[in-house]
Amino acid sequence: MKPQYPVTGAGLGFRRPLADKLKSVAPGEIDFMEIAPENWIHVGGALGKKLRWFTERYPFLIHGLSLSIGAPSPLNVQLVRDIKEFMAEHNIRMYSEHLSSCGDDGQLYDLMPIPFTEEAVRYVAERVRRVQDILEQRIALENVSYYAPTDTAMSEAEFTLAVLEEADCDLMLDINNIVVNSINHKYDAHEFMLRMPANRIRYFHLAGHYVEAEDLRIDTHGTAVDQQSWQLLGDAYAHFGAVPTLLERDFNFPPISELLDEVRQIRNLQTEYEAKEVNHG
C-alpha cells in the first residue's frame, strides 16, 4: 500500500520577501507551499490578507520553529492550540516540527540536539503524543542538523526511528540535513536514508548549505542545492517513490526564476522516477 501524502509534487517555502514576486508565478509552477506558523499566527491587516490570498490558491503545510519538543521546560500547550486554530482557519494540510529543542525557559532561536538516549526517546514521545491529542491529528518530525551531540548512547538513526515508533507519529525527511550530518559526523548518507521508514514519510525538505571546510557543513538554507543533495534526493525517489518535496530558501534570495528552476528540477526528478516505476511495473 502506498503512503498517504498530504500534498503532491514540488513545493516552495513561502517567505515574506518573496510574497509579491510569487503572486505573478504561473499556475502549476509550484504545487504547494509551507510556512512557519509562529511567523503568521495572529497576523492581520495587509500581511494577513496577503497570506490568505496564497492559502486560497495553494495547498499549504506548516513547519514549526519553536515547539521545542525535546526541551526540559513544560510543553507550550497554548502554542499548540493556536496552531490548531490556525490550521483550521487556512485549511493547512499538515504540521511538522523539528526533532530538537530550542531552549528551556527562554527561546534560543537555534535548534539544539536532543541526547540520543532511551530516556529521551520516552520523554519526547510522550510530548509528541500530547501534541497529537490536542491537535486531533498526527504530526511529522524532521531529522535536524546538529554539530555537537550531547549524548550518543544511540546513533542518530536509532534515536529517530525509536521516537517515531514510540510516539506513533510521522516523519518529514530533510535530505539536506542528512548530507550535512553525514559529512560532519562521518556516516553514510545513503545508508541513513535507507533506514528511514517509508510508511511514516509524509514529505521531503531540500535546501542548500554552506561549506565551512572539507569536513564541516553549515545548514544555512541560503544557497542553491548542492550536487550531493540532488544525488541523494534521486536515490530517495528510487527507494521511496516520488515523495512530495519542498525547496527551502530562508535568505540570500536569488531571482524568483532561479528558485523556480530548482522547483522544476525537483519535479523533473520525480517524473523520471515515476516513469521508471511504470516501466518496471
Protein backbone atom coordinates (compact mmCIF):
# COMPACT_ATOMS: atom_id res chain seq x y z
CA MET A 1 0.00 0.00 0.00
CA LYS A 2 1.36 3.41 -0.98
CA PRO A 3 1.81 6.01 1.79
CA GLN A 4 -0.75 8.78 2.07
CA TYR A 5 0.85 12.15 1.37
CA PRO A 6 -0.74 15.47 2.43
CA VAL A 7 0.33 17.13 -0.85
CA THR A 8 1.84 16.11 -4.20
CA GLY A 9 4.64 17.32 -6.44
CA ALA A 10 7.23 20.03 -5.85
CA GLY A 11 6.74 22.91 -3.41
CA LEU A 12 8.44 26.11 -2.28
CA GLY A 13 8.75 27.61 1.19
CA PHE A 14 6.66 30.80 1.39
CA ARG A 15 8.73 33.70 2.80
CA ARG A 16 7.62 37.31 3.23
CA PRO A 17 10.36 38.79 0.97
CA LEU A 18 9.13 36.51 -1.84
CA ALA A 19 5.40 37.15 -1.45
CA ASP A 20 4.92 39.89 -4.07
CA LYS A 21 7.04 38.08 -6.67
CA LEU A 22 5.23 34.81 -6.05
CA LYS A 23 1.89 36.43 -6.89
CA SER A 24 2.89 36.56 -10.55
CA VAL A 25 4.04 32.92 -10.78
CA ALA A 26 2.02 30.96 -13.32
CA PRO A 27 -0.35 28.28 -12.00
CA GLY A 28 1.27 24.86 -11.98
CA GLU A 29 4.84 26.13 -11.42
CA ILE A 30 4.57 25.45 -7.67
CA ASP A 31 2.43 22.59 -6.35
CA PHE A 32 2.31 23.52 -2.67
CA MET A 33 3.81 25.90 -0.09
CA GLU A 34 4.91 25.82 3.53
CA ILE A 35 5.26 28.43 6.28
CA ALA A 36 6.37 28.62 9.90
CA PRO A 37 3.14 29.11 11.90
CA GLU A 38 4.89 31.23 14.57
CA ASN A 39 5.54 33.89 11.91
CA TRP A 40 1.86 34.15 10.92
CA ILE A 41 -0.40 33.27 13.86
CA HIS A 42 -2.45 36.35 14.91
CA VAL A 43 -1.07 38.37 11.97
CA GLY A 44 -3.83 40.52 10.50
CA GLY A 45 -4.05 43.58 8.28
CA ALA A 46 -2.38 43.71 4.87
CA LEU A 47 0.03 40.86 5.68
CA GLY A 48 -2.77 38.62 6.86
CA LYS A 49 -4.72 39.31 3.65
CA LYS A 50 -1.61 38.52 1.61
CA LEU A 51 -1.26 35.14 3.29
CA ARG A 52 -4.96 34.44 2.74
CA TRP A 53 -4.51 35.16 -0.99
CA PHE A 54 -1.97 32.33 -1.16
CA THR A 55 -3.69 29.83 1.16
CA GLU A 56 -6.83 30.13 -1.01
CA ARG A 57 -4.80 29.21 -4.12
CA TYR A 58 -2.23 26.66 -2.95
CA PRO A 59 -2.21 23.63 -0.65
CA PHE A 60 -0.24 24.66 2.48
CA LEU A 61 1.79 22.84 5.12
CA ILE A 62 3.22 24.35 8.29
CA HIS A 63 6.66 23.66 9.75
CA GLY A 64 7.14 24.79 13.35
CA LEU A 65 10.17 26.56 14.76
CA SER A 66 9.61 26.82 18.49
CA LEU A 67 7.60 23.96 19.97
CA SER A 68 10.91 22.68 21.40
CA ILE A 69 9.66 19.12 21.66
CA GLY A 70 12.81 17.89 23.43
CA ALA A 71 13.23 20.75 25.94
CA PRO A 72 13.04 20.24 29.72
CA SER A 73 10.55 23.12 30.02
CA PRO A 74 6.79 22.42 30.07
CA LEU A 75 5.12 21.86 26.71
CA ASN A 76 3.73 25.10 25.24
CA VAL A 77 0.12 23.97 25.13
CA GLN A 78 -1.17 27.42 24.15
CA LEU A 79 1.05 27.40 21.06
CA VAL A 80 -0.35 24.00 20.07
CA ARG A 81 -3.92 25.31 20.49
CA ASP A 82 -3.08 28.39 18.42
CA ILE A 83 -1.62 26.14 15.73
CA LYS A 84 -4.78 24.01 15.68
CA GLU A 85 -6.90 27.14 15.18
CA PHE A 86 -4.54 28.49 12.51
CA MET A 87 -4.65 25.19 10.60
CA ALA A 88 -8.43 25.22 10.55
CA GLU A 89 -8.53 28.88 9.52
CA HIS A 90 -6.24 28.36 6.49
CA ASN A 91 -7.07 24.74 5.62
CA ILE A 92 -3.50 23.64 6.38
CA ARG A 93 -2.82 20.04 5.34
CA MET A 94 -0.17 19.05 7.92
CA TYR A 95 2.01 20.26 10.78
CA SER A 96 5.63 19.23 11.18
CA GLU A 97 8.21 20.17 13.80
CA HIS A 98 11.93 19.71 14.43
CA LEU A 99 13.12 16.73 16.45
CA SER A 100 15.14 19.08 18.68
CA SER A 101 14.91 21.63 21.45
CA CYS A 102 15.37 25.37 21.14
CA GLY A 103 15.70 26.50 24.73
CA ASP A 104 14.48 25.87 28.26
CA ASP A 105 12.71 28.82 29.88
CA GLY A 106 13.98 31.11 27.11
CA GLN A 107 13.99 30.90 23.33
CA LEU A 108 17.43 30.36 21.80
CA TYR A 109 16.30 30.73 18.17
CA ASP A 110 18.54 27.83 17.28
CA LEU A 111 17.94 24.10 17.12
CA MET A 112 19.74 22.12 19.81
CA PRO A 113 20.21 18.34 19.57
CA ILE A 114 18.38 16.07 21.99
CA PRO A 115 20.54 13.45 23.79
CA PHE A 116 20.37 10.20 21.81
CA THR A 117 19.21 8.08 24.78
CA GLU A 118 16.34 5.72 25.63
CA GLU A 119 15.20 8.11 28.35
CA ALA A 120 14.99 10.97 25.82
CA VAL A 121 13.03 8.74 23.43
CA ARG A 122 10.35 8.14 26.08
CA TYR A 123 10.27 11.80 27.13
CA VAL A 124 9.95 13.19 23.59
CA ALA A 125 7.43 10.56 22.53
CA GLU A 126 5.13 11.38 25.46
CA ARG A 127 5.19 15.08 24.48
CA VAL A 128 4.53 14.28 20.82
CA ARG A 129 1.53 12.12 21.76
CA ARG A 130 0.17 15.01 23.83
CA VAL A 131 0.53 17.41 20.89
CA GLN A 132 -1.27 14.95 18.62
CA ASP A 133 -4.08 14.55 21.16
CA ILE A 134 -4.61 18.34 21.29
CA LEU A 135 -4.45 18.75 17.51
CA GLU A 136 -6.57 15.62 16.98
CA GLN A 137 -4.24 14.64 14.15
CA ARG A 138 -0.78 13.20 13.56
CA ILE A 139 2.29 15.40 13.24
CA ALA A 140 5.58 14.79 11.45
CA LEU A 141 9.02 15.25 12.99
CA GLU A 142 12.03 16.42 10.99
CA ASN A 143 15.53 14.97 11.28
CA VAL A 144 17.62 18.04 12.19
CA SER A 145 21.18 19.10 11.52
CA TYR A 146 23.40 19.23 14.60
CA TYR A 147 27.05 19.94 15.30
CA ALA A 148 27.91 18.68 18.81
CA PRO A 149 25.78 15.76 20.03
CA THR A 150 25.11 15.80 23.77
CA ASP A 151 24.88 12.01 24.21
CA THR A 152 25.50 9.26 21.67
CA ALA A 153 24.32 6.18 23.56
CA MET A 154 22.22 5.62 20.42
CA SER A 155 23.03 6.63 16.86
CA GLU A 156 21.07 9.44 15.21
CA ALA A 157 19.22 6.91 13.04
CA GLU A 158 18.40 4.64 16.01
CA PHE A 159 17.14 7.59 18.04
CA THR A 160 14.99 8.94 15.20
CA LEU A 161 13.43 5.55 14.50
CA ALA A 162 12.75 4.92 18.19
CA VAL A 163 10.98 8.28 18.67
CA LEU A 164 8.80 7.74 15.58
CA GLU A 165 7.82 4.27 16.80
CA GLU A 166 7.24 5.20 20.45
CA ALA A 167 5.24 8.36 19.61
CA ASP A 168 3.48 6.77 16.61
CA CYS A 169 4.00 9.91 14.58
CA ASP A 170 5.18 10.66 11.05
CA LEU A 171 8.47 11.76 9.50
CA MET A 172 9.33 14.76 7.39
CA LEU A 173 12.69 13.73 5.95
CA ASP A 174 15.16 16.56 5.29
CA ILE A 175 17.55 15.45 2.54
CA ASN A 176 19.99 18.32 3.06
CA ASN A 177 20.24 17.60 6.79
CA ILE A 178 21.23 14.01 6.05
CA VAL A 179 24.02 15.26 3.79
CA VAL A 180 25.20 17.88 6.32
CA ASN A 181 25.18 15.43 9.25
CA SER A 182 26.81 12.63 7.25
CA ILE A 183 29.79 14.87 6.48
CA ASN A 184 30.02 16.48 9.92
CA HIS A 185 29.63 13.18 11.82
CA LYS A 186 31.23 10.85 9.28
CA TYR A 187 28.45 8.42 8.43
CA ASP A 188 26.98 7.16 5.16
CA ALA A 189 24.15 9.43 3.96
CA HIS A 190 22.66 6.81 1.64
CA GLU A 191 22.64 4.19 4.40
CA PHE A 192 20.89 6.60 6.80
CA MET A 193 18.25 7.44 4.17
CA LEU A 194 17.55 3.75 3.50
CA ARG A 195 16.89 3.13 7.22
CA MET A 196 14.03 5.63 7.37
CA PRO A 197 10.52 4.07 7.45
CA ALA A 198 8.66 4.55 4.15
CA ASN A 199 5.26 4.17 5.84
CA ARG A 200 5.90 7.20 8.06
CA ILE A 201 7.37 9.62 5.49
CA ARG A 202 4.97 12.43 4.54
CA TYR A 203 7.23 14.73 2.55
CA PHE A 204 10.85 15.79 1.99
CA HIS A 205 12.73 19.04 2.53
CA LEU A 206 15.55 20.09 0.23
CA ALA A 207 17.85 23.09 0.75
CA GLY A 208 21.38 24.41 0.29
CA HIS A 209 24.17 24.57 2.89
CA TYR A 210 27.45 26.40 3.43
CA VAL A 211 30.80 24.66 3.00
CA GLU A 212 32.83 25.86 6.01
CA ALA A 213 35.56 23.26 5.42
CA GLU A 214 36.00 19.95 3.65
CA ASP A 215 34.70 18.12 6.74
CA LEU A 216 32.30 20.79 8.03
CA ARG A 217 28.97 21.85 6.53
CA ILE A 218 26.65 24.51 8.00
CA ASP A 219 22.91 24.16 7.39
CA THR A 220 22.03 27.69 6.20
CA HIS A 221 19.19 27.44 3.63
CA GLY A 222 20.94 30.40 1.99
CA THR A 223 22.43 28.87 -1.16
CA ALA A 224 21.44 26.73 -4.12
CA VAL A 225 21.07 22.98 -3.57
CA ASP A 226 24.40 21.18 -3.99
CA GLN A 227 25.09 18.16 -6.22
CA GLN A 228 25.35 15.69 -3.33
CA SER A 229 21.86 16.62 -2.12
CA TRP A 230 20.42 16.31 -5.64
CA GLN A 231 22.03 12.87 -5.89
CA LEU A 232 20.63 11.75 -2.53
CA LEU A 233 17.19 13.09 -3.49
CA GLY A 234 17.27 10.97 -6.65
CA ASP A 235 18.34 7.94 -4.60
CA ALA A 236 15.47 8.63 -2.17
CA TYR A 237 12.94 8.73 -5.04
CA ALA A 238 14.37 5.47 -6.39
CA HIS A 239 13.83 3.88 -2.97
CA PHE A 240 10.62 5.52 -1.69
CA GLY A 241 8.96 6.73 -4.90
CA ALA A 242 8.23 10.33 -5.87
CA VAL A 243 7.65 11.71 -2.37
CA PRO A 244 6.36 15.35 -2.31
CA THR A 245 9.38 17.64 -1.87
CA LEU A 246 9.66 21.24 -0.70
CA LEU A 247 12.52 23.58 -1.58
CA GLU A 248 13.57 25.78 1.37
CA ARG A 249 15.33 29.12 0.97
CA ASP A 250 15.42 31.42 4.01
CA PHE A 251 17.68 34.32 2.98
CA ASN A 252 20.09 35.49 0.25
CA PHE A 253 17.20 35.13 -2.19
CA PRO A 254 18.11 34.81 -5.89
CA PRO A 255 15.80 35.93 -8.72
CA ILE A 256 12.50 34.06 -8.49
CA SER A 257 13.31 32.35 -11.81
CA GLU A 258 16.28 30.56 -10.16
CA LEU A 259 14.10 29.24 -7.33
CA LEU A 260 11.52 28.06 -9.86
CA ASP A 261 14.30 26.31 -11.80
CA GLU A 262 15.16 24.32 -8.65
CA VAL A 263 11.47 23.52 -8.07
CA ARG A 264 11.31 22.37 -11.71
CA GLN A 265 14.39 20.21 -11.18
CA ILE A 266 12.65 18.50 -8.24
CA ARG A 267 9.59 17.85 -10.40
CA ASN A 268 11.70 16.53 -13.28
CA LEU A 269 13.39 14.05 -10.94
CA GLN A 270 10.01 12.96 -9.58
CA THR A 271 8.67 12.45 -13.12
CA GLU A 272 11.78 10.48 -14.06
CA TYR A 273 11.34 8.06 -11.17
CA GLU A 274 7.58 7.80 -11.69
CA ALA A 275 8.25 6.80 -15.31
CA LYS A 276 10.75 4.16 -14.17
CA GLU A 277 8.14 2.79 -11.75
CA VAL A 278 5.57 2.50 -14.54
CA ASN A 279 8.05 0.80 -16.89
CA HIS A 280 9.12 -1.69 -14.22
CA GLY A 281 5.55 -2.20 -13.05
